[in-house]
């Protein structure tokens, strides 16, 4: 069941990250989910390093770090994706 939650959180974080980043991102939905999962893991690592991973109540700092990680990962992967794919794709 934890994989299902990881996919759901990855989807939500990835889509929010794509909405925050200015401009059009050319990565597909499946890659957005993977970027969101990677951002969540990066945010959890940062929260552990700061000592705020497990707190009482809602872990707002951890969630903000997860979103920041997702924004960073989506931005990097988008640049790599467009570089490998040869720039912008033309929609038919």
PDB file of N, CA and C in Angstrom:
ATOM      1  N   UNK A   1       0.813  -1.194   0.000  1.00  0.00           N
ATOM      2  CA  UNK A   1       0.000   0.000   0.000  1.00  0.00           C
ATOM      3  C   UNK A   1       0.860   1.263   0.000  1.00  0.00           C
ATOM      4  N   UNK A   2       2.079   1.184   0.495  1.00  0.00           N
ATOM      5  CA  UNK A   2       2.932   2.368   0.553  1.00  0.00           C
ATOM      6  C   UNK A   2       3.317   2.845  -0.851  1.00  0.00           C
ATOM      7  N   UNK A   3       3.395   1.912  -1.821  1.00  0.00           N
ATOM      8  CA  UNK A   3       3.693   2.324  -3.197  1.00  0.00           C
ATOM      9  C   UNK A   3       2.556   3.126  -3.803  1.00  0.00           C
ATOM     10  N   UNK A   4       1.338   2.769  -3.446  1.00  0.00           N
ATOM     11  CA  UNK A   4       0.180   3.510  -3.942  1.00  0.00           C
ATOM     12  C   UNK A   4       0.221   4.946  -3.420  1.00  0.00           C
ATOM     13  N   UNK A   5       0.520   5.097  -2.122  1.00  0.00           N
ATOM     14  CA  UNK A   5       0.622   6.437  -1.549  1.00  0.00           C
ATOM     15  C   UNK A   5       1.788   7.207  -2.156  1.00  0.00           C
ATOM     16  N   UNK A   6       2.893   6.537  -2.434  1.00  0.00           N
ATOM     17  CA  UNK A   6       4.036   7.209  -3.052  1.00  0.00           C
ATOM     18  C   UNK A   6       3.661   7.740  -4.437  1.00  0.00           C
ATOM     19  N   UNK A   7       2.896   6.973  -5.200  1.00  0.00           N
ATOM     20  CA  UNK A   7       2.463   7.410  -6.529  1.00  0.00           C
ATOM     21  C   UNK A   7       1.488   8.583  -6.423  1.00  0.00           C
ATOM     22  N   UNK A   8       0.560   8.511  -5.473  1.00  0.00           N
ATOM     23  CA  UNK A   8      -0.405   9.604  -5.299  1.00  0.00           C
ATOM     24  C   UNK A   8       0.306  10.887  -4.873  1.00  0.00           C
ATOM     25  N   UNK A   9       1.186  10.782  -3.886  1.00  0.00           N
ATOM     26  CA  UNK A   9       1.938  11.956  -3.421  1.00  0.00           C
ATOM     27  C   UNK A   9       2.827  12.480  -4.538  1.00  0.00           C
ATOM     28  N   UNK A  10       3.457  11.590  -5.295  1.00  0.00           N
ATOM     29  CA  UNK A  10       4.294  12.008  -6.411  1.00  0.00           C
ATOM     30  C   UNK A  10       3.507  12.745  -7.474  1.00  0.00           C
ATOM     31  N   UNK A  11       2.313  12.261  -7.762  1.00  0.00           N
ATOM     32  CA  UNK A  11       1.453  12.929  -8.744  1.00  0.00           C
ATOM     33  C   UNK A  11       1.073  14.322  -8.272  1.00  0.00           C
ATOM     34  N   UNK A  12       0.629  14.424  -7.027  1.00  0.00           N
ATOM     35  CA  UNK A  12       0.207  15.724  -6.500  1.00  0.00           C
ATOM     36  C   UNK A  12       1.381  16.696  -6.447  1.00  0.00           C
ATOM     37  N   UNK A  13       2.511  16.267  -5.894  1.00  0.00           N
ATOM     38  CA  UNK A  13       3.674  17.148  -5.802  1.00  0.00           C
ATOM     39  C   UNK A  13       4.201  17.532  -7.180  1.00  0.00           C
ATOM     40  N   UNK A  14       4.229  16.583  -8.097  1.00  0.00           N
ATOM     41  CA  UNK A  14       4.707  16.871  -9.449  1.00  0.00           C
ATOM     42  C   UNK A  14       3.833  17.874 -10.170  1.00  0.00           C
ATOM     43  N   UNK A  15       2.519  17.723 -10.047  1.00  0.00           N
ATOM     44  CA  UNK A  15       1.603  18.658 -10.710  1.00  0.00           C
ATOM     45  C   UNK A  15       1.672  20.053 -10.085  1.00  0.00           C
ATOM     46  N   UNK A  16       1.792  20.118  -8.761  1.00  0.00           N
ATOM     47  CA  UNK A  16       1.935  21.426  -8.109  1.00  0.00           C
ATOM     48  C   UNK A  16       3.256  22.067  -8.516  1.00  0.00           C
ATOM     49  N   UNK A  17       4.319  21.272  -8.594  1.00  0.00           N
ATOM     50  CA  UNK A  17       5.622  21.805  -9.007  1.00  0.00           C
ATOM     51  C   UNK A  17       5.566  22.341 -10.433  1.00  0.00           C
ATOM     52  N   UNK A  18       4.885  21.613 -11.324  1.00  0.00           N
ATOM     53  CA  UNK A  18       4.743  22.090 -12.705  1.00  0.00           C
ATOM     54  C   UNK A  18       3.944  23.388 -12.762  1.00  0.00           C
ATOM     55  N   UNK A  19       2.978  23.554 -11.863  1.00  0.00           N
ATOM     56  CA  UNK A  19       2.185  24.784 -11.826  1.00  0.00           C
ATOM     57  C   UNK A  19       2.995  25.960 -11.280  1.00  0.00           C
ATOM     58  N   UNK A  20       3.936  25.682 -10.382  1.00  0.00           N
ATOM     59  CA  UNK A  20       4.747  26.745  -9.779  1.00  0.00           C
ATOM     60  C   UNK A  20       5.812  27.243 -10.749  1.00  0.00           C
ATOM     61  N   UNK A  21       6.421  26.330 -11.485  1.00  0.00           N
ATOM     62  CA  UNK A  21       7.505  26.695 -12.398  1.00  0.00           C
ATOM     63  C   UNK A  21       6.920  27.487 -13.563  1.00  0.00           C
ATOM     64  N   UNK A  22       7.496  28.662 -13.858  1.00  0.00           N
ATOM     65  CA  UNK A  22       6.945  29.454 -14.967  1.00  0.00           C
ATOM     66  C   UNK A  22       7.227  28.802 -16.318  1.00  0.00           C
ATOM     67  N   UNK A  23       6.322  28.996 -17.247  1.00  0.00           N
ATOM     68  CA  UNK A  23       6.497  28.451 -18.587  1.00  0.00           C
ATOM     69  C   UNK A  23       5.916  27.058 -18.715  1.00  0.00           C
ATOM     70  N   UNK A  24       6.073  26.511 -19.904  1.00  0.00           N
ATOM     71  CA  UNK A  24       5.547  25.180 -20.228  1.00  0.00           C
ATOM     72  C   UNK A  24       6.620  24.131 -19.959  1.00  0.00           C
ATOM     73  N   UNK A  25       6.251  23.081 -19.262  1.00  0.00           N
ATOM     74  CA  UNK A  25       7.141  21.941 -19.065  1.00  0.00           C
ATOM     75  C   UNK A  25       6.725  20.851 -20.045  1.00  0.00           C
ATOM     76  N   UNK A  26       7.702  20.241 -20.661  1.00  0.00           N
ATOM     77  CA  UNK A  26       7.438  19.292 -21.735  1.00  0.00           C
ATOM     78  C   UNK A  26       7.562  17.841 -21.295  1.00  0.00           C
ATOM     79  N   UNK A  27       7.667  17.584 -19.992  1.00  0.00           N
ATOM     80  CA  UNK A  27       7.810  16.203 -19.546  1.00  0.00           C
ATOM     81  C   UNK A  27       6.434  15.538 -19.476  1.00  0.00           C
ATOM     82  N   UNK A  28       6.374  14.239 -19.775  1.00  0.00           N
ATOM     83  CA  UNK A  28       5.083  13.535 -19.732  1.00  0.00           C
ATOM     84  C   UNK A  28       4.618  13.297 -18.290  1.00  0.00           C
ATOM     85  N   UNK A  29       3.369  12.878 -18.145  1.00  0.00           N
ATOM     86  CA  UNK A  29       2.775  12.681 -16.828  1.00  0.00           C
ATOM     87  C   UNK A  29       3.521  11.629 -16.008  1.00  0.00           C
ATOM     88  N   UNK A  30       3.914  10.520 -16.640  1.00  0.00           N
ATOM     89  CA  UNK A  30       4.604   9.472 -15.881  1.00  0.00           C
ATOM     90  C   UNK A  30       5.929   9.991 -15.316  1.00  0.00           C
ATOM     91  N   UNK A  31       6.603  10.864 -16.050  1.00  0.00           N
ATOM     92  CA  UNK A  31       7.862  11.428 -15.562  1.00  0.00           C
ATOM     93  C   UNK A  31       7.595  12.484 -14.490  1.00  0.00           C
ATOM     94  N   UNK A  32       6.468  13.160 -14.580  1.00  0.00           N
ATOM     95  CA  UNK A  32       6.066  14.108 -13.542  1.00  0.00           C
ATOM     96  C   UNK A  32       5.856  13.388 -12.217  1.00  0.00           C
ATOM     97  N   UNK A  33       5.219  12.220 -12.269  1.00  0.00           N
ATOM     98  CA  UNK A  33       4.999  11.425 -11.054  1.00  0.00           C
ATOM     99  C   UNK A  33       6.334  10.990 -10.461  1.00  0.00           C
ATOM    100  N   UNK A  34       7.246  10.511 -11.299  1.00  0.00           N
ATOM    101  CA  UNK A  34       8.569  10.095 -10.802  1.00  0.00           C
ATOM    102  C   UNK A  34       9.333  11.267 -10.191  1.00  0.00           C
ATOM    103  N   UNK A  35       9.216  12.435 -10.810  1.00  0.00           N
ATOM    104  CA  UNK A  35       9.865  13.630 -10.256  1.00  0.00           C
ATOM    105  C   UNK A  35       9.248  14.014  -8.921  1.00  0.00           C
ATOM    106  N   UNK A  36       7.944  13.892  -8.806  1.00  0.00           N
ATOM    107  CA  UNK A  36       7.277  14.181  -7.537  1.00  0.00           C
ATOM    108  C   UNK A  36       7.704  13.231  -6.440  1.00  0.00           C
ATOM    109  N   UNK A  37       7.838  11.950  -6.761  1.00  0.00           N
ATOM    110  CA  UNK A  37       8.308  10.961  -5.780  1.00  0.00           C
ATOM    111  C   UNK A  37       9.743  11.284  -5.373  1.00  0.00           C
ATOM    112  N   UNK A  38      10.589  11.599  -6.352  1.00  0.00           N
ATOM    113  CA  UNK A  38      11.981  11.950  -6.044  1.00  0.00           C
ATOM    114  C   UNK A  38      12.044  13.221  -5.197  1.00  0.00           C
ATOM    115  N   UNK A  39      11.195  14.197  -5.492  1.00  0.00           N
ATOM    116  CA  UNK A  39      11.147  15.418  -4.694  1.00  0.00           C
ATOM    117  C   UNK A  39      10.694  15.149  -3.271  1.00  0.00           C
ATOM    118  N   UNK A  40       9.734  14.242  -3.107  1.00  0.00           N
ATOM    119  CA  UNK A  40       9.280  13.870  -1.764  1.00  0.00           C
ATOM    120  C   UNK A  40      10.403  13.209  -0.980  1.00  0.00           C
ATOM    121  N   UNK A  41      11.138  12.327  -1.634  1.00  0.00           N
ATOM    122  CA  UNK A  41      12.275  11.684  -0.966  1.00  0.00           C
ATOM    123  C   UNK A  41      13.345  12.701  -0.602  1.00  0.00           C
ATOM    124  N   UNK A  42      13.618  13.632  -1.506  1.00  0.00           N
ATOM    125  CA  UNK A  42      14.588  14.686  -1.244  1.00  0.00           C
ATOM    126  C   UNK A  42      14.129  15.563  -0.077  1.00  0.00           C
ATOM    127  N   UNK A  43      12.850  15.910  -0.042  1.00  0.00           N
ATOM    128  CA  UNK A  43      12.307  16.701   1.062  1.00  0.00           C
ATOM    129  C   UNK A  43      12.348  15.961   2.383  1.00  0.00           C
ATOM    130  N   UNK A  44      12.064  14.655   2.364  1.00  0.00           N
ATOM    131  CA  UNK A  44      12.158  13.860   3.587  1.00  0.00           C
ATOM    132  C   UNK A  44      13.595  13.799   4.092  1.00  0.00           C
ATOM    133  N   UNK A  45      14.547  13.688   3.175  1.00  0.00           N
ATOM    134  CA  UNK A  45      15.958  13.671   3.567  1.00  0.00           C
ATOM    135  C   UNK A  45      16.341  15.011   4.199  1.00  0.00           C
ATOM    136  N   UNK A  46      15.888  16.109   3.590  1.00  0.00           N
ATOM    137  CA  UNK A  46      16.175  17.431   4.144  1.00  0.00           C
ATOM    138  C   UNK A  46      15.533  17.627   5.508  1.00  0.00           C
ATOM    139  N   UNK A  47      14.303  17.135   5.678  1.00  0.00           N
ATOM    140  CA  UNK A  47      13.626  17.243   6.971  1.00  0.00           C
ATOM    141  C   UNK A  47      14.347  16.423   8.036  1.00  0.00           C
ATOM    142  N   UNK A  48      14.855  15.257   7.655  1.00  0.00           N
ATOM    143  CA  UNK A  48      15.619  14.445   8.600  1.00  0.00           C
ATOM    144  C   UNK A  48      16.907  15.154   8.997  1.00  0.00           C
ATOM    145  N   UNK A  49      17.551  15.792   8.029  1.00  0.00           N
ATOM    146  CA  UNK A  49      18.789  16.512   8.316  1.00  0.00           C
ATOM    147  C   UNK A  49      18.544  17.688   9.256  1.00  0.00           C
ATOM    148  N   UNK A  50      17.370  18.313   9.134  1.00  0.00           N
ATOM    149  CA  UNK A  50      17.029  19.433  10.013  1.00  0.00           C
ATOM    150  C   UNK A  50      16.420  18.981  11.335  1.00  0.00           C
ATOM    151  N   UNK A  51      16.090  17.699  11.436  1.00  0.00           N
ATOM    152  CA  UNK A  51      15.502  17.168  12.665  1.00  0.00           C
ATOM    153  C   UNK A  51      14.021  17.448  12.804  1.00  0.00           C
ATOM    154  N   UNK A  52      13.321  17.665  11.707  1.00  0.00           N
ATOM    155  CA  UNK A  52      11.880  17.982  11.770  1.00  0.00           C
ATOM    156  C   UNK A  52      11.044  16.968  11.004  1.00  0.00           C
ATOM    157  N   UNK A  53      11.570  15.779  10.780  1.00  0.00           N
ATOM    158  CA  UNK A  53      10.819  14.803   9.985  1.00  0.00           C
ATOM    159  C   UNK A  53       9.585  14.298  10.722  1.00  0.00           C
ATOM    160  N   UNK A  54       9.718  14.013  12.000  1.00  0.00           N
ATOM    161  CA  UNK A  54       8.590  13.497  12.782  1.00  0.00           C
ATOM    162  C   UNK A  54       8.283  14.487  13.894  1.00  0.00           C
ATOM    163  N   UNK A  55       7.184  15.200  13.742  1.00  0.00           N
ATOM    164  CA  UNK A  55       6.734  16.141  14.760  1.00  0.00           C
ATOM    165  C   UNK A  55       5.288  15.824  15.105  1.00  0.00           C
ATOM    166  N   UNK A  56       4.795  16.434  16.150  1.00  0.00           N
ATOM    167  CA  UNK A  56       3.390  16.251  16.521  1.00  0.00           C
ATOM    168  C   UNK A  56       2.530  17.135  15.636  1.00  0.00           C
ATOM    169  N   UNK A  57       1.447  16.605  15.152  1.00  0.00           N
ATOM    170  CA  UNK A  57       0.561  17.369  14.282  1.00  0.00           C
ATOM    171  C   UNK A  57       0.997  17.266  12.832  1.00  0.00           C
ATOM    172  N   UNK A  58       0.626  18.275  12.051  1.00  0.00           N
ATOM    173  CA  UNK A  58       0.946  18.297  10.625  1.00  0.00           C
ATOM    174  C   UNK A  58       2.395  18.750  10.452  1.00  0.00           C
ATOM    175  N   UNK A  59       3.126  18.037   9.640  1.00  0.00           N
ATOM    176  CA  UNK A  59       4.542  18.346   9.405  1.00  0.00           C
ATOM    177  C   UNK A  59       4.674  19.351   8.266  1.00  0.00           C
ATOM    178  N   UNK A  60       4.352  20.608   8.535  1.00  0.00           N
ATOM    179  CA  UNK A  60       4.349  21.623   7.482  1.00  0.00           C
ATOM    180  C   UNK A  60       5.735  21.835   6.900  1.00  0.00           C
ATOM    181  N   UNK A  61       6.746  21.844   7.741  1.00  0.00           N
ATOM    182  CA  UNK A  61       8.108  22.068   7.246  1.00  0.00           C
ATOM    183  C   UNK A  61       8.509  20.939   6.301  1.00  0.00           C
ATOM    184  N   UNK A  62       8.187  19.702   6.672  1.00  0.00           N
ATOM    185  CA  UNK A  62       8.510  18.557   5.812  1.00  0.00           C
ATOM    186  C   UNK A  62       7.771  18.660   4.483  1.00  0.00           C
ATOM    187  N   UNK A  63       6.504  19.054   4.515  1.00  0.00           N
ATOM    188  CA  UNK A  63       5.726  19.176   3.281  1.00  0.00           C
ATOM    189  C   UNK A  63       6.268  20.289   2.382  1.00  0.00           C
ATOM    190  N   UNK A  64       6.674  21.395   2.971  1.00  0.00           N
ATOM    191  CA  UNK A  64       7.254  22.485   2.191  1.00  0.00           C
ATOM    192  C   UNK A  64       8.578  22.046   1.574  1.00  0.00           C
ATOM    193  N   UNK A  65       9.386  21.300   2.332  1.00  0.00           N
ATOM    194  CA  UNK A  65      10.644  20.783   1.799  1.00  0.00           C
ATOM    195  C   UNK A  65      10.398  19.774   0.677  1.00  0.00           C
ATOM    196  N   UNK A  66       9.365  18.956   0.809  1.00  0.00           N
ATOM    197  CA  UNK A  66       9.024  18.013  -0.256  1.00  0.00           C
ATOM    198  C   UNK A  66       8.618  18.753  -1.521  1.00  0.00           C
ATOM    199  N   UNK A  67       7.821  19.799  -1.388  1.00  0.00           N
ATOM    200  CA  UNK A  67       7.409  20.577  -2.550  1.00  0.00           C
ATOM    201  C   UNK A  67       8.603  21.285  -3.187  1.00  0.00           C
ATOM    202  N   UNK A  68       9.478  21.831  -2.365  1.00  0.00           N
ATOM    203  CA  UNK A  68      10.688  22.477  -2.897  1.00  0.00           C
ATOM    204  C   UNK A  68      11.553  21.460  -3.633  1.00  0.00           C
ATOM    205  N   UNK A  69      11.674  20.257  -3.075  1.00  0.00           N
ATOM    206  CA  UNK A  69      12.425  19.201  -3.758  1.00  0.00           C
ATOM    207  C   UNK A  69      11.794  18.831  -5.085  1.00  0.00           C
ATOM    208  N   UNK A  70      10.459  18.763  -5.114  1.00  0.00           N
ATOM    209  CA  UNK A  70       9.766  18.430  -6.364  1.00  0.00           C
ATOM    210  C   UNK A  70       9.965  19.525  -7.406  1.00  0.00           C
ATOM    211  N   UNK A  71       9.932  20.783  -6.996  1.00  0.00           N
ATOM    212  CA  UNK A  71      10.158  21.883  -7.936  1.00  0.00           C
ATOM    213  C   UNK A  71      11.557  21.789  -8.529  1.00  0.00           C
ATOM    214  N   UNK A  72      12.541  21.519  -7.698  1.00  0.00           N
ATOM    215  CA  UNK A  72      13.925  21.401  -8.171  1.00  0.00           C
ATOM    216  C   UNK A  72      14.065  20.235  -9.141  1.00  0.00           C
ATOM    217  N   UNK A  73      13.517  19.081  -8.774  1.00  0.00           N
ATOM    218  CA  UNK A  73      13.650  17.893  -9.621  1.00  0.00           C
ATOM    219  C   UNK A  73      12.897  18.077 -10.937  1.00  0.00           C
ATOM    220  N   UNK A  74      11.689  18.628 -10.902  1.00  0.00           N
ATOM    221  CA  UNK A  74      10.925  18.841 -12.138  1.00  0.00           C
ATOM    222  C   UNK A  74      11.671  19.811 -13.057  1.00  0.00           C
ATOM    223  N   UNK A  75      12.220  20.879 -12.498  1.00  0.00           N
ATOM    224  CA  UNK A  75      12.946  21.851 -13.321  1.00  0.00           C
ATOM    225  C   UNK A  75      14.182  21.218 -13.965  1.00  0.00           C
ATOM    226  N   UNK A  76      14.936  20.425 -13.198  1.00  0.00           N
ATOM    227  CA  UNK A  76      16.129  19.773 -13.755  1.00  0.00           C
ATOM    228  C   UNK A  76      15.772  18.735 -14.805  1.00  0.00           C
ATOM    229  N   UNK A  77      14.788  17.902 -14.516  1.00  0.00           N
ATOM    230  CA  UNK A  77      14.400  16.846 -15.450  1.00  0.00           C
ATOM    231  C   UNK A  77      13.789  17.444 -16.714  1.00  0.00           C
ATOM    232  N   UNK A  78      13.059  18.539 -16.584  1.00  0.00           N
ATOM    233  CA  UNK A  78      12.492  19.190 -17.761  1.00  0.00           C
ATOM    234  C   UNK A  78      13.607  19.660 -18.690  1.00  0.00           C
ATOM    235  N   UNK A  79      14.661  20.252 -18.130  1.00  0.00           N
ATOM    236  CA  UNK A  79      15.780  20.698 -18.962  1.00  0.00           C
ATOM    237  C   UNK A  79      16.482  19.507 -19.618  1.00  0.00           C
ATOM    238  N   UNK A  80      16.657  18.435 -18.858  1.00  0.00           N
ATOM    239  CA  UNK A  80      17.281  17.239 -19.439  1.00  0.00           C
ATOM    240  C   UNK A  80      16.395  16.628 -20.516  1.00  0.00           C
ATOM    241  N   UNK A  81      15.098  16.543 -20.255  1.00  0.00           N
ATOM    242  CA  UNK A  81      14.148  15.940 -21.194  1.00  0.00           C
ATOM    243  C   UNK A  81      14.116  16.719 -22.506  1.00  0.00           C
ATOM    244  N   UNK A  82      14.028  18.039 -22.419  1.00  0.00           N
ATOM    245  CA  UNK A  82      13.986  18.831 -23.649  1.00  0.00           C
ATOM    246  C   UNK A  82      15.325  18.798 -24.370  1.00  0.00           C
ATOM    247  N   UNK A  83      16.423  18.670 -23.631  1.00  0.00           N
ATOM    248  CA  UNK A  83      17.732  18.555 -24.270  1.00  0.00           C
ATOM    249  C   UNK A  83      17.888  17.248 -25.029  1.00  0.00           C
ATOM    250  N   UNK A  84      17.421  16.172 -24.440  1.00  0.00           N
ATOM    251  CA  UNK A  84      17.521  14.856 -25.082  1.00  0.00           C
ATOM    252  C   UNK A  84      16.542  14.744 -26.244  1.00  0.00           C
ATOM    253  N   UNK A  85      15.352  15.304 -26.066  1.00  0.00           N
ATOM    254  CA  UNK A  85      14.318  15.203 -27.095  1.00  0.00           C
ATOM    255  C   UNK A  85      14.495  16.221 -28.213  1.00  0.00           C
ATOM    256  N   UNK A  86      15.477  17.096 -28.126  1.00  0.00           N
ATOM    257  CA  UNK A  86      15.740  18.040 -29.197  1.00  0.00           C
ATOM    258  C   UNK A  86      14.934  19.315 -29.132  1.00  0.00           C
ATOM    259  N   UNK A  87      14.680  19.797 -27.931  1.00  0.00           N
ATOM    260  CA  UNK A  87      13.935  21.046 -27.794  1.00  0.00           C
ATOM    261  C   UNK A  87      12.455  20.810 -27.724  1.00  0.00           C
ATOM    262  N   UNK A  88      11.694  21.822 -28.074  1.00  0.00           N
ATOM    263  CA  UNK A  88      10.243  21.740 -27.998  1.00  0.00           C
ATOM    264  C   UNK A  88       9.679  20.769 -29.022  1.00  0.00           C
ATOM    265  N   UNK A  89       8.689  20.051 -28.583  1.00  0.00           N
ATOM    266  CA  UNK A  89       7.969  19.171 -29.502  1.00  0.00           C
ATOM    267  C   UNK A  89       6.846  19.937 -30.144  1.00  0.00           C
ATOM    268  N   UNK A  90       6.619  19.639 -31.376  1.00  0.00           N
ATOM    269  CA  UNK A  90       5.483  20.240 -32.085  1.00  0.00           C
ATOM    270  C   UNK A  90       4.265  19.368 -31.857  1.00  0.00           C
ATOM    271  N   UNK A  91       3.177  19.984 -31.470  1.00  0.00           N
ATOM    272  CA  UNK A  91       1.934  19.251 -31.267  1.00  0.00           C
ATOM    273  C   UNK A  91       1.191  19.188 -32.591  1.00  0.00           C
ATOM    274  N   UNK A  92       0.699  18.006 -32.910  1.00  0.00           N
ATOM    275  CA  UNK A  92      -0.015  17.821 -34.169  1.00  0.00           C
ATOM    276  C   UNK A  92      -1.493  17.836 -33.910  1.00  0.00           C
TER     277      UNK A  92
END
